[in-house]
């Protein structure tokens, strides 16, 4: 993901760090997708792609 774009492709799920922390200990992996500007937020938000464990 390029900085400034918050669009998930196809079957991707992008979440914030808050959601990543809430899912800690579950069967999910998270890939850091960098920071992006989101509507309604003054500061850039770091997003993570949710990945499933095989």
N, C-alpha and C. Protein backbone atom coordinates (compact mmCIF):
# COMPACT_ATOMS: atom_id res chain seq x y z
N UNK A 1 0.84 -1.17 0.00
CA UNK A 1 0.00 0.00 0.00
C UNK A 1 0.88 1.23 0.00
N UNK A 2 0.54 2.17 -0.82
CA UNK A 2 1.26 3.42 -0.85
C UNK A 2 0.68 4.36 0.20
N UNK A 3 1.55 5.19 0.77
CA UNK A 3 1.08 6.16 1.75
C UNK A 3 0.01 7.02 1.12
N UNK A 4 -1.07 7.24 1.86
CA UNK A 4 -2.14 8.09 1.36
C UNK A 4 -3.27 7.33 0.71
N UNK A 5 -3.14 6.02 0.54
CA UNK A 5 -4.23 5.24 -0.03
C UNK A 5 -4.71 4.21 0.99
N UNK A 6 -6.00 4.14 1.19
CA UNK A 6 -6.55 3.23 2.18
C UNK A 6 -7.54 2.28 1.53
N UNK A 7 -7.17 1.76 0.39
CA UNK A 7 -8.06 0.88 -0.35
C UNK A 7 -7.56 -0.55 -0.26
N UNK A 8 -8.42 -1.43 0.24
CA UNK A 8 -8.10 -2.85 0.27
C UNK A 8 -8.41 -3.43 -1.11
N UNK A 9 -7.58 -4.35 -1.55
CA UNK A 9 -7.80 -5.02 -2.83
C UNK A 9 -8.58 -6.31 -2.61
N UNK A 10 -9.37 -6.69 -3.57
CA UNK A 10 -10.08 -7.97 -3.59
C UNK A 10 -10.48 -8.52 -2.25
N UNK A 11 -9.78 -9.54 -1.79
CA UNK A 11 -10.15 -10.22 -0.55
C UNK A 11 -9.35 -9.74 0.66
N UNK A 12 -8.69 -8.59 0.55
CA UNK A 12 -7.91 -8.06 1.66
C UNK A 12 -8.81 -7.45 2.74
N UNK A 13 -8.33 -7.56 3.97
CA UNK A 13 -8.97 -6.88 5.09
C UNK A 13 -7.90 -6.04 5.76
N UNK A 14 -8.14 -4.73 5.85
CA UNK A 14 -7.20 -3.83 6.50
C UNK A 14 -7.81 -3.35 7.81
N UNK A 15 -7.00 -3.36 8.88
CA UNK A 15 -7.47 -2.94 10.20
C UNK A 15 -6.48 -1.99 10.83
N UNK A 16 -6.95 -1.26 11.82
CA UNK A 16 -6.09 -0.35 12.58
C UNK A 16 -5.35 -1.13 13.67
N UNK A 17 -4.43 -0.45 14.33
CA UNK A 17 -3.67 -1.07 15.42
C UNK A 17 -4.58 -1.45 16.58
N UNK A 18 -5.64 -0.69 16.82
CA UNK A 18 -6.57 -1.01 17.90
C UNK A 18 -7.19 -2.39 17.67
N UNK A 19 -7.64 -2.64 16.45
CA UNK A 19 -8.23 -3.94 16.13
C UNK A 19 -7.17 -5.04 16.20
N UNK A 20 -5.96 -4.75 15.73
CA UNK A 20 -4.86 -5.74 15.80
C UNK A 20 -4.60 -6.13 17.25
N UNK A 21 -4.59 -5.17 18.15
CA UNK A 21 -4.36 -5.46 19.56
C UNK A 21 -5.50 -6.28 20.17
N UNK A 22 -6.74 -5.99 19.79
CA UNK A 22 -7.90 -6.73 20.29
C UNK A 22 -7.88 -8.19 19.83
N UNK A 23 -7.31 -8.45 18.66
CA UNK A 23 -7.27 -9.80 18.11
C UNK A 23 -6.02 -10.57 18.54
N UNK A 24 -5.20 -9.98 19.37
CA UNK A 24 -3.97 -10.63 19.84
C UNK A 24 -4.29 -11.98 20.49
N UNK A 25 -3.52 -13.00 20.14
CA UNK A 25 -3.73 -14.33 20.69
C UNK A 25 -4.70 -15.18 19.89
N UNK A 26 -5.33 -14.59 18.90
CA UNK A 26 -6.24 -15.35 18.02
C UNK A 26 -5.40 -15.92 16.87
N UNK A 27 -6.03 -16.65 15.98
CA UNK A 27 -5.31 -17.26 14.85
C UNK A 27 -5.19 -16.34 13.65
N UNK A 28 -4.71 -15.13 13.88
CA UNK A 28 -4.52 -14.17 12.79
C UNK A 28 -3.07 -13.73 12.75
N UNK A 29 -2.62 -13.43 11.55
CA UNK A 29 -1.32 -12.80 11.35
C UNK A 29 -1.61 -11.43 10.77
N UNK A 30 -0.73 -10.47 11.04
CA UNK A 30 -0.93 -9.12 10.54
C UNK A 30 0.32 -8.65 9.83
N UNK A 31 0.14 -8.07 8.65
CA UNK A 31 1.23 -7.51 7.87
C UNK A 31 1.09 -5.99 7.90
N UNK A 32 2.13 -5.31 8.34
CA UNK A 32 2.13 -3.85 8.41
C UNK A 32 2.04 -3.27 7.01
N UNK A 33 1.04 -2.47 6.75
CA UNK A 33 0.85 -1.85 5.43
C UNK A 33 1.21 -0.38 5.45
N UNK A 34 1.74 0.11 6.54
CA UNK A 34 2.18 1.50 6.62
C UNK A 34 1.08 2.45 7.05
N UNK A 35 1.44 3.72 7.06
CA UNK A 35 0.49 4.75 7.48
C UNK A 35 -0.22 5.33 6.27
N UNK A 36 -1.44 5.77 6.51
CA UNK A 36 -2.22 6.41 5.46
C UNK A 36 -3.12 7.47 6.09
N UNK A 37 -3.53 8.41 5.30
CA UNK A 37 -4.47 9.43 5.76
C UNK A 37 -5.88 8.92 5.55
N UNK A 38 -6.67 8.97 6.62
CA UNK A 38 -8.06 8.54 6.54
C UNK A 38 -8.97 9.73 6.82
N UNK A 39 -10.08 9.77 6.12
CA UNK A 39 -11.06 10.84 6.30
C UNK A 39 -11.53 10.85 7.76
N UNK A 40 -11.53 12.02 8.36
CA UNK A 40 -12.01 12.16 9.73
C UNK A 40 -10.91 12.05 10.78
N UNK A 41 -9.69 11.75 10.38
CA UNK A 41 -8.56 11.64 11.30
C UNK A 41 -7.56 12.74 10.98
N UNK A 42 -7.07 13.42 12.03
CA UNK A 42 -6.10 14.49 11.84
C UNK A 42 -4.71 13.96 11.51
N UNK A 43 -4.36 12.83 12.08
CA UNK A 43 -3.04 12.23 11.90
C UNK A 43 -3.14 10.97 11.03
N UNK A 44 -2.06 10.60 10.35
CA UNK A 44 -2.07 9.34 9.59
C UNK A 44 -2.33 8.14 10.52
N UNK A 45 -2.95 7.11 9.98
CA UNK A 45 -3.29 5.91 10.73
C UNK A 45 -2.49 4.74 10.16
N UNK A 46 -1.86 3.95 11.03
CA UNK A 46 -1.12 2.77 10.58
C UNK A 46 -2.14 1.65 10.37
N UNK A 47 -2.07 1.01 9.20
CA UNK A 47 -2.98 -0.08 8.86
C UNK A 47 -2.23 -1.40 8.75
N UNK A 48 -2.95 -2.47 9.03
CA UNK A 48 -2.41 -3.83 8.98
C UNK A 48 -3.33 -4.69 8.14
N UNK A 49 -2.73 -5.52 7.30
CA UNK A 49 -3.50 -6.49 6.52
C UNK A 49 -3.68 -7.74 7.37
N UNK A 50 -4.92 -8.22 7.46
CA UNK A 50 -5.20 -9.46 8.21
C UNK A 50 -4.86 -10.64 7.31
N UNK A 51 -4.08 -11.55 7.84
CA UNK A 51 -3.73 -12.78 7.12
C UNK A 51 -4.10 -13.97 7.98
N UNK A 52 -4.56 -15.02 7.33
CA UNK A 52 -4.99 -16.23 8.05
C UNK A 52 -3.82 -17.18 8.21
N UNK A 53 -3.80 -17.87 9.31
CA UNK A 53 -2.79 -18.94 9.51
C UNK A 53 -3.25 -20.15 8.72
N UNK A 54 -2.30 -20.79 8.06
CA UNK A 54 -2.64 -21.98 7.27
C UNK A 54 -2.76 -23.18 8.17
